[in-house]
């Protein structure tokens, strides 16, 4: 799913070691991605794990509860600049004659 959203940036599964802290679950150049799956994964614990393990990339957690669509969690302070850039892009697109 992330490979399709970010073509050409080398998104791939991370290498997992016993502790799980040596690499993100999904390698991405901007995000430190932790992936959790199960009946009721612990969202806050997963975000804390990603925050503690990151090498400077923004922590992002993708969670898939059993038989439910996946959702993601990240710190609001990390999300707001992304939304700000998206909003600027959207405004430029709406002002263009092709928009």
Protein backbone atom coordinates (compact mmCIF):
# COMPACT_ATOMS: atom_id res chain seq x y z
CA UNK A 1 0.00 0.00 0.00
CA UNK A 2 2.77 2.50 0.89
CA UNK A 3 4.83 1.54 -2.16
CA UNK A 4 1.90 2.55 -4.34
CA UNK A 5 1.47 5.86 -2.52
CA UNK A 6 5.20 6.72 -2.71
CA UNK A 7 6.51 5.34 -6.02
CA UNK A 8 10.21 5.58 -6.63
CA UNK A 9 11.36 6.31 -3.06
CA UNK A 10 12.37 2.79 -2.05
CA UNK A 11 9.59 1.89 0.37
CA UNK A 12 10.12 -1.70 1.54
CA UNK A 13 9.78 -3.97 4.54
CA UNK A 14 12.37 -3.35 7.23
CA UNK A 15 14.77 -5.95 8.56
CA UNK A 16 13.52 -7.25 11.90
CA UNK A 17 15.80 -8.36 14.68
CA UNK A 18 14.82 -9.92 17.97
CA UNK A 19 14.32 -6.60 19.76
CA UNK A 20 12.60 -4.99 16.77
CA UNK A 21 14.26 -1.67 17.56
CA UNK A 22 17.09 -1.82 15.01
CA UNK A 23 14.92 -1.09 11.99
CA UNK A 24 11.50 0.28 11.18
CA UNK A 25 8.88 -2.28 10.13
CA UNK A 26 8.60 -0.44 6.82
CA UNK A 27 11.56 1.49 5.41
CA UNK A 28 10.60 4.95 4.16
CA UNK A 29 12.89 7.96 3.69
CA UNK A 30 10.69 10.37 5.70
CA UNK A 31 8.73 8.19 8.17
CA UNK A 32 9.75 5.62 10.79
CA UNK A 33 6.90 3.17 10.24
CA UNK A 34 5.78 0.68 12.86
CA UNK A 35 3.17 -1.83 11.69
CA UNK A 36 0.87 -3.52 14.18
CA UNK A 37 -1.79 -6.12 13.59
CA UNK A 38 -4.10 -8.09 15.82
CA UNK A 39 -7.33 -8.05 17.73
CA UNK A 40 -6.64 -4.83 19.66
CA UNK A 41 -3.11 -3.51 19.10
CA UNK A 42 -1.93 -0.93 21.63
CA UNK A 43 -1.91 2.30 19.66
CA UNK A 44 -0.15 4.54 22.20
CA UNK A 45 2.46 1.90 22.93
CA UNK A 46 3.20 1.48 19.24
CA UNK A 47 3.59 5.25 18.76
CA UNK A 48 5.90 5.42 21.77
CA UNK A 49 7.92 2.50 20.38
CA UNK A 50 8.32 4.25 17.03
CA UNK A 51 9.23 7.54 18.73
CA UNK A 52 11.86 5.88 20.91
CA UNK A 53 13.39 3.93 18.03
CA UNK A 54 13.42 6.53 15.26
CA UNK A 55 16.65 7.79 13.75
CA UNK A 56 15.15 11.22 13.13
CA UNK A 57 12.40 10.24 10.73
CA UNK A 58 8.83 11.09 11.74
CA UNK A 59 7.22 8.22 13.69
CA UNK A 60 4.12 6.79 12.04
CA UNK A 61 2.14 3.73 13.09
CA UNK A 62 -0.04 1.70 10.74
CA UNK A 63 -2.53 -0.51 12.57
CA UNK A 64 -4.77 -3.19 11.19
CA UNK A 65 -7.24 -4.66 13.62
CA UNK A 66 -8.48 -8.13 12.69
CA UNK A 67 -11.03 -7.93 9.87
CA UNK A 68 -10.91 -4.10 9.78
CA UNK A 69 -9.33 -1.64 7.35
CA UNK A 70 -5.93 -0.24 8.39
CA UNK A 71 -5.56 3.18 10.02
CA UNK A 72 -2.56 5.29 10.95
CA UNK A 73 -1.45 7.30 13.95
CA UNK A 74 1.20 9.98 14.30
CA UNK A 75 1.94 12.93 16.57
CA UNK A 76 -0.10 16.03 15.73
CA UNK A 77 3.06 18.16 15.75
CA UNK A 78 4.42 15.93 12.96
CA UNK A 79 1.18 15.90 11.00
CA UNK A 80 0.47 19.65 10.94
CA UNK A 81 3.45 20.63 8.71
CA UNK A 82 2.45 17.89 6.26
CA UNK A 83 -1.12 19.20 6.17
CA UNK A 84 0.15 22.74 5.77
CA UNK A 85 2.18 21.73 2.68
CA UNK A 86 -0.80 19.82 1.28
CA UNK A 87 -3.05 22.84 1.84
CA UNK A 88 -0.61 25.15 0.02
CA UNK A 89 -0.45 22.70 -2.88
CA UNK A 90 -4.25 22.47 -2.96
CA UNK A 91 -4.58 26.25 -3.05
CA UNK A 92 -2.08 26.51 -5.92
CA UNK A 93 -3.96 23.79 -7.82
CA UNK A 94 -7.30 25.56 -7.37
CA UNK A 95 -5.81 28.83 -8.67
CA UNK A 96 -4.32 27.24 -11.79
CA UNK A 97 -6.40 27.34 -14.99
CA UNK A 98 -6.22 23.53 -15.18
CA UNK A 99 -7.30 23.12 -11.53
